[in-house]
PDB file of N, CA and C in Angstrom:
ATOM      1  N   MET A   1      40.235 135.167 181.141  1.00  0.00           N
ATOM      2  CA  MET A   1      41.356 134.264 181.221  1.00  0.00           C
ATOM      3  C   MET A   1      40.878 132.822 181.037  1.00  0.00           C
ATOM      4  N   PRO A   2      41.647 132.056 180.291  1.00  0.00           N
ATOM      5  CA  PRO A   2      41.271 130.647 180.129  1.00  0.00           C
ATOM      6  C   PRO A   2      41.541 129.865 181.419  1.00  0.00           C
ATOM      7  N   ASN A   3      40.670 128.946 181.717  1.00  0.00           N
ATOM      8  CA  ASN A   3      40.794 128.182 182.957  1.00  0.00           C
ATOM      9  C   ASN A   3      41.369 126.789 182.741  1.00  0.00           C
ATOM     10  N   THR A   4      40.932 126.119 181.705  1.00  0.00           N
ATOM     11  CA  THR A   4      41.395 124.752 181.486  1.00  0.00           C
ATOM     12  C   THR A   4      42.745 124.734 180.781  1.00  0.00           C
ATOM     13  N   LYS A   5      43.405 123.596 180.917  1.00  0.00           N
ATOM     14  CA  LYS A   5      44.742 123.441 180.330  1.00  0.00           C
ATOM     15  C   LYS A   5      44.692 123.549 178.804  1.00  0.00           C
ATOM     16  N   SER A   6      43.667 122.940 178.227  1.00  0.00           N
ATOM     17  CA  SER A   6      43.542 122.975 176.764  1.00  0.00           C
ATOM     18  C   SER A   6      43.257 124.394 176.261  1.00  0.00           C
ATOM     19  N   ALA A   7      42.485 125.149 177.026  1.00  0.00           N
ATOM     20  CA  ALA A   7      42.181 126.532 176.648  1.00  0.00           C
ATOM     21  C   ALA A   7      43.432 127.400 176.716  1.00  0.00           C
ATOM     22  N   ILE A   8      44.284 127.141 177.704  1.00  0.00           N
ATOM     23  CA  ILE A   8      45.546 127.882 177.823  1.00  0.00           C
ATOM     24  C   ILE A   8      46.434 127.603 176.620  1.00  0.00           C
ATOM     25  N   ARG A   9      46.519 126.324 176.236  1.00  0.00           N
ATOM     26  CA  ARG A   9      47.316 125.951 175.053  1.00  0.00           C
ATOM     27  C   ARG A   9      46.743 126.581 173.795  1.00  0.00           C
ATOM     28  N   ARG A  10      45.441 126.602 173.727  1.00  0.00           N
ATOM     29  CA  ARG A  10      44.767 127.178 172.557  1.00  0.00           C
ATOM     30  C   ARG A  10      45.090 128.675 172.420  1.00  0.00           C
ATOM     31  N   VAL A  11      45.148 129.398 173.520  1.00  0.00           N
ATOM     32  CA  VAL A  11      45.481 130.822 173.499  1.00  0.00           C
ATOM     33  C   VAL A  11      46.883 131.020 172.925  1.00  0.00           C
ATOM     34  N   ARG A  12      47.821 130.183 173.368  1.00  0.00           N
ATOM     35  CA  ARG A  12      49.196 130.276 172.852  1.00  0.00           C
ATOM     36  C   ARG A  12      49.221 130.015 171.352  1.00  0.00           C
ATOM     37  N   ARG A  13      48.485 129.003 170.937  1.00  0.00           N
ATOM     38  CA  ARG A  13      48.444 128.625 169.521  1.00  0.00           C
ATOM     39  C   ARG A  13      47.838 129.744 168.669  1.00  0.00           C
ATOM     40  N   VAL A  14      46.771 130.357 169.147  1.00  0.00           N
ATOM     41  CA  VAL A  14      46.101 131.427 168.414  1.00  0.00           C
ATOM     42  C   VAL A  14      47.023 132.631 168.254  1.00  0.00           C
ATOM     43  N   LYS A  15      47.831 132.920 169.279  1.00  0.00           N
ATOM     44  CA  LYS A  15      48.779 134.028 169.177  1.00  0.00           C
ATOM     45  C   LYS A  15      49.762 133.804 168.033  1.00  0.00           C
ATOM     46  N   LYS A  16      50.286 132.577 167.934  1.00  0.00           N
ATOM     47  CA  LYS A  16      51.230 132.238 166.861  1.00  0.00           C
ATOM     48  C   LYS A  16      50.553 132.339 165.491  1.00  0.00           C
ATOM     49  N   GLN A  17      49.329 131.819 165.422  1.00  0.00           N
ATOM     50  CA  GLN A  17      48.590 131.848 164.165  1.00  0.00           C
ATOM     51  C   GLN A  17      48.299 133.278 163.734  1.00  0.00           C
ATOM     52  N   THR A  18      47.985 134.143 164.687  1.00  0.00           N
ATOM     53  CA  THR A  18      47.689 135.539 164.389  1.00  0.00           C
ATOM     54  C   THR A  18      48.907 136.218 163.774  1.00  0.00           C
ATOM     55  N   ILE A  19      50.068 135.947 164.342  1.00  0.00           N
ATOM     56  CA  ILE A  19      51.303 136.548 163.822  1.00  0.00           C
ATOM     57  C   ILE A  19      51.567 136.095 162.389  1.00  0.00           C
ATOM     58  N   THR A  20      51.450 134.792 162.129  1.00  0.00           N
ATOM     59  CA  THR A  20      51.721 134.297 160.777  1.00  0.00           C
ATOM     60  C   THR A  20      50.684 134.799 159.783  1.00  0.00           C
ATOM     61  N   ASN A  21      49.421 134.861 160.202  1.00  0.00           N
ATOM     62  CA  ASN A  21      48.382 135.364 159.296  1.00  0.00           C
ATOM     63  C   ASN A  21      48.594 136.834 158.965  1.00  0.00           C
ATOM     64  N   ARG A  22      49.045 137.631 159.946  1.00  0.00           N
ATOM     65  CA  ARG A  22      49.342 139.037 159.683  1.00  0.00           C
ATOM     66  C   ARG A  22      50.453 139.167 158.658  1.00  0.00           C
ATOM     67  N   LEU A  23      51.488 138.348 158.797  1.00  0.00           N
ATOM     68  CA  LEU A  23      52.585 138.373 157.830  1.00  0.00           C
ATOM     69  C   LEU A  23      52.098 138.015 156.427  1.00  0.00           C
ATOM     70  N   ARG A  24      51.271 136.987 156.359  1.00  0.00           N
ATOM     71  CA  ARG A  24      50.758 136.559 155.057  1.00  0.00           C
ATOM     72  C   ARG A  24      49.882 137.631 154.417  1.00  0.00           C
ATOM     73  N   LYS A  25      49.006 138.247 155.205  1.00  0.00           N
ATOM     74  CA  LYS A  25      48.142 139.301 154.662  1.00  0.00           C
ATOM     75  C   LYS A  25      48.958 140.507 154.231  1.00  0.00           C
ATOM     76  N   SER A  26      50.001 140.809 154.972  1.00  0.00           N
ATOM     77  CA  SER A  26      50.886 141.915 154.616  1.00  0.00           C
ATOM     78  C   SER A  26      51.577 141.625 153.280  1.00  0.00           C
ATOM     79  N   LYS A  27      52.036 140.393 153.128  1.00  0.00           N
ATOM     80  CA  LYS A  27      52.682 139.959 151.875  1.00  0.00           C
ATOM     81  C   LYS A  27      51.710 140.096 150.705  1.00  0.00           C
ATOM     82  N   TYR A  28      50.467 139.707 150.941  1.00  0.00           N
ATOM     83  CA  TYR A  28      49.409 139.787 149.927  1.00  0.00           C
ATOM     84  C   TYR A  28      49.143 141.245 149.529  1.00  0.00           C
ATOM     85  N   ARG A  29      48.963 142.104 150.528  1.00  0.00           N
ATOM     86  CA  ARG A  29      48.667 143.515 150.250  1.00  0.00           C
ATOM     87  C   ARG A  29      49.816 144.202 149.526  1.00  0.00           C
ATOM     88  N   SER A  30      51.043 143.916 149.943  1.00  0.00           N
ATOM     89  CA  SER A  30      52.189 144.559 149.300  1.00  0.00           C
ATOM     90  C   SER A  30      52.347 144.077 147.865  1.00  0.00           C
ATOM     91  N   ALA A  31      52.025 142.810 147.596  1.00  0.00           N
ATOM     92  CA  ALA A  31      52.097 142.294 146.231  1.00  0.00           C
ATOM     93  C   ALA A  31      51.077 142.996 145.337  1.00  0.00           C
ATOM     94  N   VAL A  32      49.870 143.193 145.854  1.00  0.00           N
ATOM     95  CA  VAL A  32      48.826 143.875 145.083  1.00  0.00           C
ATOM     96  C   VAL A  32      49.229 145.322 144.809  1.00  0.00           C
ATOM     97  N   LYS A  33      49.742 146.004 145.833  1.00  0.00           N
ATOM     98  CA  LYS A  33      50.160 147.400 145.670  1.00  0.00           C
ATOM     99  C   LYS A  33      51.302 147.513 144.660  1.00  0.00           C
ATOM    100  N   HIS A  34      52.261 146.599 144.761  1.00  0.00           N
ATOM    101  CA  HIS A  34      53.406 146.626 143.843  1.00  0.00           C
ATOM    102  C   HIS A  34      52.939 146.419 142.399  1.00  0.00           C
ATOM    103  N   MET A  35      52.011 145.499 142.215  1.00  0.00           N
ATOM    104  CA  MET A  35      51.486 145.235 140.869  1.00  0.00           C
ATOM    105  C   MET A  35      50.764 146.464 140.331  1.00  0.00           C
ATOM    106  N   GLU A  36      49.960 147.109 141.157  1.00  0.00           N
ATOM    107  CA  GLU A  36      49.247 148.318 140.732  1.00  0.00           C
ATOM    108  C   GLU A  36      50.226 149.421 140.337  1.00  0.00           C
ATOM    109  N   GLU A  37      51.297 149.569 141.115  1.00  0.00           N
ATOM    110  CA  GLU A  37      52.306 150.584 140.802  1.00  0.00           C
ATOM    111  C   GLU A  37      52.982 150.296 139.468  1.00  0.00           C
ATOM    112  N   LEU A  38      53.299 149.026 139.235  1.00  0.00           N
ATOM    113  CA  LEU A  38      53.936 148.653 137.968  1.00  0.00           C
ATOM    114  C   LEU A  38      53.022 148.937 136.783  1.00  0.00           C
ATOM    115  N   ILE A  39      51.736 148.665 136.945  1.00  0.00           N
ATOM    116  CA  ILE A  39      50.774 148.919 135.865  1.00  0.00           C
ATOM    117  C   ILE A  39      50.675 150.415 135.599  1.00  0.00           C
ATOM    118  N   LYS A  40      50.626 151.216 136.667  1.00  0.00           N
ATOM    119  CA  LYS A  40      50.545 152.668 136.498  1.00  0.00           C
ATOM    120  C   LYS A  40      51.788 153.243 135.839  1.00  0.00           C
ATOM    121  N   SER A  41      52.951 152.648 136.149  1.00  0.00           N
ATOM    122  CA  SER A  41      54.202 153.156 135.576  1.00  0.00           C
ATOM    123  C   SER A  41      54.284 152.879 134.073  1.00  0.00           C
ATOM    124  N   GLY A  42      53.590 151.843 133.615  1.00  0.00           N
ATOM    125  CA  GLY A  42      53.540 151.544 132.182  1.00  0.00           C
ATOM    126  C   GLY A  42      54.698 150.704 131.680  1.00  0.00           C
ATOM    127  N   LYS A  43      55.435 150.078 132.571  1.00  0.00           N
ATOM    128  CA  LYS A  43      56.563 149.227 132.176  1.00  0.00           C
ATOM    129  C   LYS A  43      56.046 147.815 131.900  1.00  0.00           C
ATOM    130  N   LYS A  44      55.737 147.568 130.649  1.00  0.00           N
ATOM    131  CA  LYS A  44      55.092 146.304 130.264  1.00  0.00           C
ATOM    132  C   LYS A  44      55.962 145.086 130.563  1.00  0.00           C
ATOM    133  N   THR A  45      57.271 145.188 130.284  1.00  0.00           N
ATOM    134  CA  THR A  45      58.139 144.021 130.483  1.00  0.00           C
ATOM    135  C   THR A  45      58.230 143.648 131.963  1.00  0.00           C
ATOM    136  N   GLU A  46      58.357 144.657 132.834  1.00  0.00           N
ATOM    137  CA  GLU A  46      58.437 144.383 134.264  1.00  0.00           C
ATOM    138  C   GLU A  46      57.124 143.821 134.795  1.00  0.00           C
ATOM    139  N   VAL A  47      56.028 144.328 134.254  1.00  0.00           N
ATOM    140  CA  VAL A  47      54.704 143.848 134.687  1.00  0.00           C
ATOM    141  C   VAL A  47      54.557 142.372 134.336  1.00  0.00           C
ATOM    142  N   LYS A  48      54.947 142.004 133.123  1.00  0.00           N
ATOM    143  CA  LYS A  48      54.804 140.607 132.701  1.00  0.00           C
ATOM    144  C   LYS A  48      55.711 139.689 133.504  1.00  0.00           C
ATOM    145  N   LYS A  49      56.909 140.175 133.859  1.00  0.00           N
ATOM    146  CA  LYS A  49      57.818 139.370 134.675  1.00  0.00           C
ATOM    147  C   LYS A  49      57.241 139.152 136.068  1.00  0.00           C
ATOM    148  N   TYR A  50      56.690 140.207 136.638  1.00  0.00           N
ATOM    149  CA  TYR A  50      56.200 140.143 138.014  1.00  0.00           C
ATOM    150  C   TYR A  50      54.857 139.426 138.121  1.00  0.00           C
ATOM    151  N   PHE A  51      54.120 139.346 137.029  1.00  0.00           N
ATOM    152  CA  PHE A  51      52.761 138.788 137.081  1.00  0.00           C
ATOM    153  C   PHE A  51      52.750 137.340 137.574  1.00  0.00           C
ATOM    154  N   SER A  52      53.692 136.515 137.116  1.00  0.00           N
ATOM    155  CA  SER A  52      53.706 135.117 137.564  1.00  0.00           C
ATOM    156  C   SER A  52      54.032 135.016 139.052  1.00  0.00           C
ATOM    157  N   LYS A  53      54.953 135.866 139.513  1.00  0.00           N
ATOM    158  CA  LYS A  53      55.282 135.890 140.939  1.00  0.00           C
ATOM    159  C   LYS A  53      54.082 136.382 141.747  1.00  0.00           C
ATOM    160  N   PHE A  54      53.384 137.366 141.204  1.00  0.00           N
ATOM    161  CA  PHE A  54      52.186 137.920 141.826  1.00  0.00           C
ATOM    162  C   PHE A  54      51.127 136.834 142.014  1.00  0.00           C
ATOM    163  N   GLN A  55      50.899 136.062 140.961  1.00  0.00           N
ATOM    164  CA  GLN A  55      49.927 134.970 141.034  1.00  0.00           C
ATOM    165  C   GLN A  55      50.348 133.954 142.101  1.00  0.00           C
ATOM    166  N   SER A  56      51.612 133.634 142.111  1.00  0.00           N
ATOM    167  CA  SER A  56      52.130 132.656 143.051  1.00  0.00           C
ATOM    168  C   SER A  56      51.923 133.112 144.493  1.00  0.00           C
ATOM    169  N   ILE A  57      52.234 134.371 144.765  1.00  0.00           N
ATOM    170  CA  ILE A  57      52.078 134.913 146.119  1.00  0.00           C
ATOM    171  C   ILE A  57      50.617 134.844 146.553  1.00  0.00           C
ATOM    172  N   LEU A  58      49.725 135.270 145.670  1.00  0.00           N
ATOM    173  CA  LEU A  58      48.304 135.275 146.026  1.00  0.00           C
ATOM    174  C   LEU A  58      47.772 133.870 146.286  1.00  0.00           C
ATOM    175  N   MET A  59      48.173 132.919 145.462  1.00  0.00           N
ATOM    176  CA  MET A  59      47.676 131.559 145.655  1.00  0.00           C
ATOM    177  C   MET A  59      48.276 130.901 146.903  1.00  0.00           C
ATOM    178  N   GLN A  60      49.519 131.238 147.236  1.00  0.00           N
ATOM    179  CA  GLN A  60      50.117 130.717 148.465  1.00  0.00           C
ATOM    180  C   GLN A  60      49.355 131.219 149.687  1.00  0.00           C
ATOM    181  N   VAL A  61      49.047 132.504 149.677  1.00  0.00           N
ATOM    182  CA  VAL A  61      48.325 133.100 150.800  1.00  0.00           C
ATOM    183  C   VAL A  61      46.919 132.508 150.894  1.00  0.00           C
ATOM    184  N   ALA A  62      46.289 132.295 149.742  1.00  0.00           N
ATOM    185  CA  ALA A  62      44.942 131.711 149.732  1.00  0.00           C
ATOM    186  C   ALA A  62      44.978 130.262 150.206  1.00  0.00           C
ATOM    187  N   LYS A  63      46.009 129.542 149.814  1.00  0.00           N
ATOM    188  CA  LYS A  63      46.138 128.142 150.198  1.00  0.00           C
ATOM    189  C   LYS A  63      46.269 128.004 151.714  1.00  0.00           C
ATOM    190  N   SER A  64      46.961 128.955 152.329  1.00  0.00           N
ATOM    191  CA  SER A  64      47.155 128.902 153.779  1.00  0.00           C
ATOM    192  C   SER A  64      45.888 129.290 154.536  1.00  0.00           C
ATOM    193  N   GLY A  65      44.952 129.960 153.853  1.00  0.00           N
ATOM    194  CA  GLY A  65      43.693 130.316 154.488  1.00  0.00           C
ATOM    195  C   GLY A  65      43.658 131.729 155.036  1.00  0.00           C
ATOM    196  N   ALA A  66      44.723 132.500 154.808  1.00  0.00           N
ATOM    197  CA  ALA A  66      44.734 133.874 155.305  1.00  0.00           C
ATOM    198  C   ALA A  66      43.721 134.730 154.552  1.00  0.00           C
ATOM    199  N   ILE A  67      43.553 134.456 153.255  1.00  0.00           N
ATOM    200  CA  ILE A  67      42.499 135.091 152.466  1.00  0.00           C
ATOM    201  C   ILE A  67      41.734 133.990 151.750  1.00  0.00           C
ATOM    202  N   ASN A  68      40.566 134.324 151.270  1.00  0.00           N
ATOM    203  CA  ASN A  68      39.745 133.345 150.573  1.00  0.00           C
ATOM    204  C   ASN A  68      40.305 133.070 149.181  1.00  0.00           C
ATOM    205  N   LYS A  69      40.149 131.843 148.731  1.00  0.00           N
ATOM    206  CA  LYS A  69      40.637 131.427 147.417  1.00  0.00           C
ATOM    207  C   LYS A  69      39.976 132.239 146.303  1.00  0.00           C
ATOM    208  N   ARG A  70      38.702 132.499 146.452  1.00  0.00           N
ATOM    209  CA  ARG A  70      37.968 133.262 145.434  1.00  0.00           C
ATOM    210  C   ARG A  70      38.443 134.709 145.373  1.00  0.00           C
ATOM    211  N   THR A  71      38.814 135.273 146.521  1.00  0.00           N
ATOM    212  CA  THR A  71      39.329 136.641 146.560  1.00  0.00           C
ATOM    213  C   THR A  71      40.618 136.722 145.760  1.00  0.00           C
ATOM    214  N   ALA A  72      41.502 135.758 145.975  1.00  0.00           N
ATOM    215  CA  ALA A  72      42.772 135.730 145.246  1.00  0.00           C
ATOM    216  C   ALA A  72      42.527 135.586 143.746  1.00  0.00           C
ATOM    217  N   SER A  73      41.619 134.706 143.380  1.00  0.00           N
ATOM    218  CA  SER A  73      41.299 134.503 141.960  1.00  0.00           C
ATOM    219  C   SER A  73      40.724 135.768 141.342  1.00  0.00           C
ATOM    220  N   ARG A  74      39.884 136.448 142.090  1.00  0.00           N
ATOM    221  CA  ARG A  74      39.278 137.681 141.592  1.00  0.00           C
ATOM    222  C   ARG A  74      40.343 138.758 141.357  1.00  0.00           C
ATOM    223  N   LYS A  75      41.282 138.891 142.289  1.00  0.00           N
ATOM    224  CA  LYS A  75      42.363 139.872 142.145  1.00  0.00           C
ATOM    225  C   LYS A  75      43.213 139.550 140.920  1.00  0.00           C
ATOM    226  N   ILE A  76      43.551 138.283 140.747  1.00  0.00           N
ATOM    227  CA  ILE A  76      44.368 137.858 139.614  1.00  0.00           C
ATOM    228  C   ILE A  76      43.632 138.142 138.312  1.00  0.00           C
ATOM    229  N   SER A  77      42.348 137.854 138.288  1.00  0.00           N
ATOM    230  CA  SER A  77      41.542 138.075 137.086  1.00  0.00           C
ATOM    231  C   SER A  77      41.485 139.558 136.717  1.00  0.00           C
ATOM    232  N   LYS A  78      41.261 140.410 137.704  1.00  0.00           N
ATOM    233  CA  LYS A  78      41.194 141.852 137.437  1.00  0.00           C
ATOM    234  C   LYS A  78      42.505 142.375 136.879  1.00  0.00           C
ATOM    235  N   ILE A  79      43.616 141.924 137.469  1.00  0.00           N
ATOM    236  CA  ILE A  79      44.931 142.374 137.014  1.00  0.00           C
ATOM    237  C   ILE A  79      45.211 141.866 135.605  1.00  0.00           C
ATOM    238  N   SER A  80      44.856 140.631 135.318  1.00  0.00           N
ATOM    239  CA  SER A  80      45.107 140.091 133.982  1.00  0.00           C
ATOM    240  C   SER A  80      44.274 140.814 132.932  1.00  0.00           C
ATOM    241  N   LYS A  81      43.070 141.254 133.295  1.00  0.00           N
ATOM    242  CA  LYS A  81      42.265 142.047 132.360  1.00  0.00           C
ATOM    243  C   LYS A  81      42.930 143.374 132.073  1.00  0.00           C
ATOM    244  N   LYS A  82      43.527 143.984 133.104  1.00  0.00           N
ATOM    245  CA  LYS A  82      44.235 145.244 132.902  1.00  0.00           C
ATOM    246  C   LYS A  82      45.445 145.057 132.002  1.00  0.00           C
ATOM    247  N   LEU A  83      46.084 143.899 132.095  1.00  0.00           N
ATOM    248  CA  LEU A  83      47.265 143.636 131.276  1.00  0.00           C
ATOM    249  C   LEU A  83      46.911 143.420 129.814  1.00  0.00           C
ATOM    250  N   SER A  84      45.756 142.842 129.572  1.00  0.00           N
ATOM    251  CA  SER A  84      45.363 142.524 128.200  1.00  0.00           C
ATOM    252  C   SER A  84      44.949 143.763 127.413  1.00  0.00           C
ATOM    253  N   LYS A  85      44.658 144.860 128.102  1.00  0.00           N
ATOM    254  CA  LYS A  85      44.246 146.088 127.412  1.00  0.00           C
ATOM    255  C   LYS A  85      45.388 146.755 126.708  1.00  0.00           C
TER     256      LYS A  85
END
């Protein structure tokens, strides 16, 4: 248990941050899964439409710090390579 007043406040703050980070990571994972499903289905037009939104979601999550910026870039790069084939 935290003893000092600042430590108590910090615990409350960390709880809030944990909740928001979980939401962001969930958003990130679902975007990646959705993109993979679209690629497997072979619907090129839907994939191209969703790709810009996919990039946006990943960069938003990376900007907030829930995932690393390089991780997001790597995911985007891999998906774009799959699209170019």
